[in-house]
Protein backbone atom coordinates (compact mmCIF):
# COMPACT_ATOMS: atom_id res chain seq x y z
CA MET A 1 -94.22 23.87 63.81
CA GLY A 2 -91.52 25.90 62.43
CA GLU A 3 -92.11 29.56 62.33
CA THR A 4 -90.84 30.46 58.83
CA ILE A 5 -91.94 27.32 56.98
CA LYS A 6 -95.63 26.43 56.61
CA LYS A 7 -96.45 24.79 53.48
CA ILE A 8 -94.40 21.62 52.36
CA ALA A 9 -94.15 20.02 49.10
CA VAL A 10 -92.79 16.61 48.23
CA ILE A 11 -91.83 15.71 44.53
CA GLY A 12 -91.52 11.94 44.06
CA ALA A 13 -94.01 9.72 46.00
CA GLY A 14 -91.70 6.77 45.82
CA LEU A 15 -90.56 4.68 48.79
CA MET A 16 -88.78 7.73 50.09
CA GLY A 17 -91.33 10.49 49.14
CA HIS A 18 -94.31 8.89 50.86
CA GLY A 19 -92.70 8.52 53.89
CA ILE A 20 -91.57 11.77 54.33
CA ALA A 21 -94.80 13.31 53.45
CA GLN A 22 -96.35 11.23 55.83
CA GLU A 23 -94.20 12.43 58.75
CA PHE A 24 -94.73 16.22 57.87
CA SER A 25 -98.42 15.28 57.61
CA THR A 26 -98.09 13.54 61.06
CA ALA A 27 -96.57 16.52 62.63
CA GLY A 28 -99.41 18.81 61.66
CA TYR A 29 -98.26 20.31 58.31
CA GLU A 30 -100.24 20.52 55.06
CA VAL A 31 -98.38 18.51 52.68
CA ALA A 32 -98.53 18.76 48.76
CA LEU A 33 -97.11 15.52 47.03
CA ASN A 34 -96.47 15.10 43.50
CA ASP A 35 -95.55 12.32 41.11
CA VAL A 36 -95.91 11.44 37.49
CA SER A 37 -99.09 9.66 37.64
CA ASN A 38 -102.37 9.13 39.48
CA GLN A 39 -101.66 5.62 39.95
CA ARG A 40 -98.14 6.24 41.84
CA LEU A 41 -99.97 8.77 44.05
CA GLY A 42 -102.86 6.34 44.80
CA LEU A 43 -100.21 3.62 45.93
CA ALA A 44 -98.22 6.34 48.21
CA LEU A 45 -101.30 7.23 50.00
CA GLY A 46 -102.38 3.72 50.39
CA HIS A 47 -98.92 3.15 51.86
CA VAL A 48 -99.02 6.17 54.07
CA ARG A 49 -102.43 4.69 55.37
CA GLU A 50 -100.71 1.29 56.03
CA ASN A 51 -97.93 2.72 57.77
CA LEU A 52 -100.08 4.76 60.23
CA CYS A 53 -102.00 1.41 61.08
CA ASN A 54 -98.91 -0.36 61.58
CA LEU A 55 -97.66 2.33 64.16
CA GLY A 56 -100.77 1.89 65.96
CA PHE A 57 -102.58 5.03 65.07
CA ALA A 58 -106.38 5.06 65.58
CA LYS A 59 -108.70 5.11 62.61
CA GLU A 60 -109.79 8.77 62.86
CA ASP A 61 -106.02 9.84 63.48
CA VAL A 62 -105.23 8.03 60.24
CA ASN A 63 -107.90 9.73 58.24
CA ARG A 64 -107.15 12.99 59.64
CA ILE A 65 -103.34 12.65 58.80
CA ALA A 66 -103.96 11.19 55.35
CA ALA A 67 -106.30 14.21 54.65
CA ARG A 68 -103.59 16.74 55.04
CA ILE A 69 -101.60 14.98 52.10
CA GLN A 70 -103.04 16.75 48.90
CA ALA A 71 -101.82 14.43 46.15
CA SER A 72 -101.52 15.73 42.59
CA THR A 73 -99.71 15.20 39.26
CA ASP A 74 -99.94 18.88 38.55
CA LEU A 75 -96.49 20.36 39.37
CA PRO A 76 -97.46 24.02 39.52
CA SER A 77 -100.32 23.46 41.90
CA VAL A 78 -98.06 21.35 44.13
CA LEU A 79 -95.52 24.04 44.42
CA LEU A 80 -97.82 27.11 44.72
CA ASP A 81 -96.80 28.95 47.95
CA ALA A 82 -94.57 25.95 49.10
CA ASP A 83 -91.88 27.27 51.63
CA PHE A 84 -90.07 24.02 51.72
CA VAL A 85 -89.85 21.34 48.78
CA VAL A 86 -88.28 18.06 49.09
CA GLU A 87 -87.18 16.56 46.02
CA ALA A 88 -87.22 12.72 46.17
CA VAL A 89 -87.29 11.27 42.81
CA SER A 90 -84.96 8.81 41.08
CA GLU A 91 -81.33 8.81 42.08
CA ASP A 92 -80.17 10.26 38.33
CA ILE A 93 -78.45 13.51 38.45
CA GLU A 94 -79.81 14.65 35.12
CA VAL A 95 -83.33 13.78 36.08
CA LYS A 96 -82.86 15.60 39.34
CA ARG A 97 -81.23 18.62 37.75
CA THR A 98 -84.39 19.03 35.23
CA VAL A 99 -86.66 18.77 38.44
CA PHE A 100 -84.71 21.32 40.27
CA THR A 101 -84.94 23.68 37.31
CA LYS A 102 -88.49 23.21 37.11
CA ILE A 103 -89.16 23.63 40.99
CA ASP A 104 -86.78 26.81 40.86
CA GLN A 105 -89.15 28.58 38.24
CA LEU A 106 -92.38 27.95 40.07
CA ILE A 107 -91.81 28.53 43.82
CA PRO A 108 -91.65 31.86 45.58
CA PRO A 109 -88.06 33.59 45.87
CA HIS A 110 -87.89 32.88 49.53
CA SER A 111 -88.62 29.19 49.38
CA ILE A 112 -85.93 26.36 50.17
CA ILE A 113 -85.41 23.38 47.68
CA ALA A 114 -83.85 20.12 49.53
CA SER A 115 -82.71 17.05 47.74
CA ASN A 116 -83.11 13.78 49.58
CA THR A 117 -80.24 12.35 47.26
CA SER A 118 -78.18 9.61 48.88
CA SER A 119 -74.86 10.76 46.96
CA PHE A 120 -75.05 13.66 44.79
CA MET A 121 -73.67 16.78 46.10
CA PRO A 122 -75.99 19.83 46.38
CA SER A 123 -73.54 22.03 44.42
CA HIS A 124 -74.65 19.99 41.41
CA LEU A 125 -78.01 20.81 41.84
CA ALA A 126 -77.79 24.53 43.02
CA SER A 127 -76.04 25.55 39.80
CA VAL A 128 -79.20 25.05 37.67
CA THR A 129 -81.45 27.23 39.88
CA GLY A 130 -81.28 30.93 40.57
CA ARG A 131 -81.15 30.48 44.38
CA PRO A 132 -77.96 28.36 45.50
CA GLY A 133 -78.23 30.02 48.81
CA ARG A 134 -81.37 28.31 49.50
CA VAL A 135 -80.40 24.88 48.18
CA LEU A 136 -79.04 22.11 50.15
CA VAL A 137 -79.40 17.95 50.58
CA ALA A 138 -81.72 16.67 53.43
CA HIS A 139 -80.74 12.85 53.17
CA TYR A 140 -83.35 10.68 54.96
CA PHE A 141 -82.84 7.20 55.55
CA ASN A 142 -85.64 4.60 54.95
CA PRO A 143 -88.01 4.40 56.47
CA PRO A 144 -88.11 7.91 57.04
CA TYR A 145 -90.93 8.24 59.41
CA LEU A 146 -88.66 5.47 61.87
CA VAL A 147 -85.08 6.47 61.18
CA PRO A 148 -84.73 10.11 63.05
CA LEU A 149 -81.27 11.00 61.06
CA VAL A 150 -81.36 13.48 58.22
CA GLU A 151 -78.22 14.35 56.76
CA ILE A 152 -77.88 18.10 56.08
CA VAL A 153 -75.22 19.09 53.22
CA ARG A 154 -74.75 22.36 52.28
CA SER A 155 -72.84 23.56 49.19
CA SER A 156 -70.37 26.47 49.42
CA ASP A 157 -73.35 28.99 48.54
CA THR A 158 -75.92 27.28 50.86
CA THR A 159 -76.48 30.39 53.50
CA ASP A 160 -76.45 29.97 57.21
CA GLU A 161 -80.04 31.04 57.40
CA THR A 162 -80.98 28.31 55.25
CA ILE A 163 -79.47 25.59 57.61
CA THR A 164 -80.88 26.99 60.43
CA GLU A 165 -84.57 27.03 59.06
CA VAL A 166 -84.12 23.60 57.90
CA THR A 167 -82.59 22.09 60.81
CA THR A 168 -85.20 24.12 63.27
CA LEU A 169 -88.07 22.64 61.20
CA LEU A 170 -86.75 18.96 61.43
CA LYS A 171 -86.24 19.18 64.83
CA SER A 172 -89.82 20.63 65.65
CA ILE A 173 -91.00 17.25 64.06
CA GLY A 174 -88.83 15.01 65.98
CA LYS A 175 -85.78 14.45 63.29
CA TYR A 176 -82.05 14.38 64.38
CA PRO A 177 -80.19 16.55 61.84
CA VAL A 178 -76.41 16.08 61.57
CA VAL A 179 -75.13 19.22 59.39
CA LEU A 180 -71.81 18.37 57.42
CA LYS A 181 -69.06 21.11 57.39
CA ARG A 182 -68.92 20.61 53.70
CA GLU A 183 -70.04 18.65 50.83
CA VAL A 184 -68.70 15.14 49.93
CA PRO A 185 -69.76 12.50 47.83
CA GLY A 186 -71.76 10.01 49.78
CA PHE A 187 -71.90 12.36 52.86
CA ILE A 188 -71.37 10.33 56.25
CA ALA A 189 -73.70 7.36 56.29
CA ASN A 190 -73.10 6.02 52.74
CA ARG A 191 -69.41 6.57 52.93
CA LEU A 192 -69.37 4.23 55.79
CA GLN A 193 -71.78 1.79 54.42
CA ALA A 194 -69.95 1.75 51.16
CA ALA A 195 -66.76 0.86 53.16
CA LEU A 196 -68.63 -2.00 54.86
CA LEU A 197 -70.14 -3.32 51.67
CA ARG A 198 -66.96 -3.45 50.00
CA GLU A 199 -65.35 -5.55 52.61
CA CYS A 200 -68.18 -7.90 52.74
CA PHE A 201 -68.00 -8.45 49.27
CA ALA A 202 -64.32 -9.11 49.50
CA LEU A 203 -64.90 -11.65 52.39
CA VAL A 204 -67.35 -13.54 50.46
CA GLU A 205 -65.15 -13.57 47.17
CA ASP A 206 -62.05 -14.62 49.14
CA GLY A 207 -63.54 -17.46 50.54
CA VAL A 208 -63.38 -16.48 54.23
CA ALA A 209 -67.24 -16.77 54.94
CA GLU A 210 -70.60 -17.18 53.29
CA PRO A 211 -72.85 -14.04 53.20
CA GLN A 212 -75.22 -15.49 56.06
CA ASP A 213 -72.10 -15.75 58.31
CA ILE A 214 -71.36 -11.99 57.80
CA ASP A 215 -74.84 -10.95 58.22
CA ASP A 216 -74.73 -13.04 61.79
CA VAL A 217 -71.47 -11.49 62.73
CA MET A 218 -72.99 -8.23 62.30
CA THR A 219 -76.51 -8.77 63.72
CA HIS A 220 -75.41 -10.53 66.82
CA SER A 221 -72.34 -8.32 67.60
CA LEU A 222 -71.36 -5.16 65.88
CA GLY A 223 -75.14 -4.07 65.02
CA ARG A 224 -76.15 -4.33 68.57
CA ARG A 225 -73.71 -2.24 69.92
CA LEU A 226 -73.89 0.60 66.98
CA ALA A 227 -77.49 0.61 67.84
CA VAL A 228 -76.69 2.30 71.14
CA ALA A 229 -73.24 3.95 70.93
CA GLY A 230 -71.36 5.63 67.72
CA PRO A 231 -67.97 3.98 66.44
CA PHE A 232 -65.86 6.77 67.91
CA GLU A 233 -67.75 6.12 71.44
CA ILE A 234 -67.11 2.51 70.95
CA PHE A 235 -63.31 2.93 70.21
CA ASP A 236 -62.96 5.14 73.29
CA ALA A 237 -64.52 2.48 75.22
CA ALA A 238 -62.40 -0.10 74.11
CA GLY A 239 -59.11 1.97 74.34
CA LEU A 240 -57.41 3.77 71.42
CA ASP A 241 -53.92 1.95 72.35
CA VAL A 242 -55.79 -1.47 71.65
CA TRP A 243 -57.51 -0.21 68.61
CA LYS A 244 -54.06 1.36 67.23
CA ALA A 245 -52.57 -2.18 67.47
CA ILE A 246 -55.44 -3.79 65.63
CA ALA A 247 -55.57 -1.16 63.17
CA GLY A 248 -51.79 -1.55 62.19
CA GLU A 249 -52.61 -5.20 61.83
CA LEU A 250 -55.55 -4.88 59.61
CA MET A 251 -55.27 -1.75 57.57
CA PRO A 252 -52.71 -3.03 55.25
CA VAL A 253 -55.02 -5.92 54.45
CA ILE A 254 -58.40 -4.67 54.32
CA GLU A 255 -59.66 -4.41 50.96
CA SER A 256 -58.97 -0.85 49.39
CA SER A 257 -59.70 -1.70 45.75
CA PRO A 258 -61.35 1.47 43.74
CA ASP A 259 -63.01 -1.39 41.64
CA LEU A 260 -66.73 -2.12 42.12
CA PRO A 261 -66.93 -5.80 43.80
CA ALA A 262 -67.10 -8.71 41.09
CA LEU A 263 -69.87 -10.28 42.74
CA LEU A 264 -71.84 -7.04 43.21
CA THR A 265 -71.37 -6.49 39.46
CA ASP A 266 -72.43 -10.05 38.50
CA LEU A 267 -75.49 -10.24 40.73
CA THR A 268 -76.84 -6.70 39.24
CA ARG A 269 -75.76 -7.69 35.61
CA ARG A 270 -78.26 -10.73 36.05
CA GLY A 271 -80.96 -8.76 37.41
CA GLU A 272 -80.53 -10.10 40.86
CA PHE A 273 -81.45 -6.82 42.78
CA GLY A 274 -82.57 -8.24 46.31
CA LEU A 275 -86.24 -8.38 47.72
CA LYS A 276 -87.52 -6.29 44.90
CA THR A 277 -86.61 -9.36 42.53
CA GLY A 278 -86.65 -11.99 44.79
CA LYS A 279 -82.97 -12.73 44.48
CA GLY A 280 -79.80 -10.89 45.31
CA VAL A 281 -77.01 -11.81 47.66
CA HIS A 282 -79.86 -14.12 49.33
CA THR A 283 -82.90 -15.76 47.84
CA TRP A 284 -86.11 -14.35 48.81
CA SER A 285 -89.59 -15.89 48.84
CA SER A 286 -92.53 -13.24 49.01
CA GLN A 287 -93.08 -14.42 52.75
CA GLU A 288 -89.36 -13.82 53.57
CA SER A 289 -89.32 -10.65 52.11
CA GLU A 290 -92.33 -9.62 54.14
CA ASP A 291 -90.86 -11.06 57.42
CA LEU A 292 -87.53 -9.01 57.02
CA ARG A 293 -89.69 -5.80 56.69
CA ASN A 294 -91.61 -6.47 59.31
CA ARG A 295 -88.77 -7.53 61.43
CA LEU A 296 -86.98 -4.16 60.49
CA THR A 297 -89.97 -2.16 61.00
CA SER A 298 -90.78 -3.73 64.61
CA ALA A 299 -87.05 -3.44 65.54
CA LEU A 300 -86.84 0.29 64.68
CA THR A 301 -90.06 1.12 66.25
CA GLU A 302 -89.01 -0.40 69.30
CA ILE A 303 -85.48 1.47 69.31
CA GLN A 304 -87.53 4.63 68.49
CA ARG A 305 -89.76 4.04 71.59
CA TRP A 306 -86.71 3.11 73.73
CA THR A 307 -84.84 6.18 73.00
CA GLU A 308 -87.54 8.92 73.34
């Protein structure tokens, strides 16, 4: 385990928070988990046990790992003596700033605060604390216990020591931290995903293809290659001269509007959010939703084993 970080606190026990707590607990850390209600905490601990069982842990190991997670609605007790705090509350900047202010007031001076935000820059959170040098973004990906990447984003005030402590900690539990040179909205992964999202919706809105066609193209070609090689590796393999010619044809016609895709706006206006509501771009039965989640978990588990 890390030498300078002993106690972990995770604030927010939702989709990402419970998975982050699970991973630190699996690595042997004592973890304090906080949320606003005992019901949410109970659900989170149940999900942790379910995840561990699905990963093949024996019952005694599941019990031991789960026992290292102490769940409480009492924020001061959760943050007492915490060396490293991961904020994983809802993606609302004002909510996060309020939570950061409270965390800053309750933890020791040496402690580090990391946000699992997927888009907000760390400077917007560090500014409400008295420790801007000890604040950063640690952006995990769902499910955090299966996807190794964590994007580490520093503000102009984040110290090199803080970066080193966090990256050392994450590497010690098997994560793959990538440190951005500077903060930028969306970081790396979500900027790439947003560019892909915009073009996907544009192709559907322009009548070029159906959503299933686009999913099929990705899963049966690009997705398979991107699981084993990054885009720049793929470009180099194909030849940059070839890609220069392709880009010359495509760059002028690829969607570049700063506006949200109309179809995305319409779907969300109607409350069609995807699996959580049973309908999004596709329509999902409860069985189809479960099948997709299981397919993703199984594939990510297999990729993790293959790359270890």
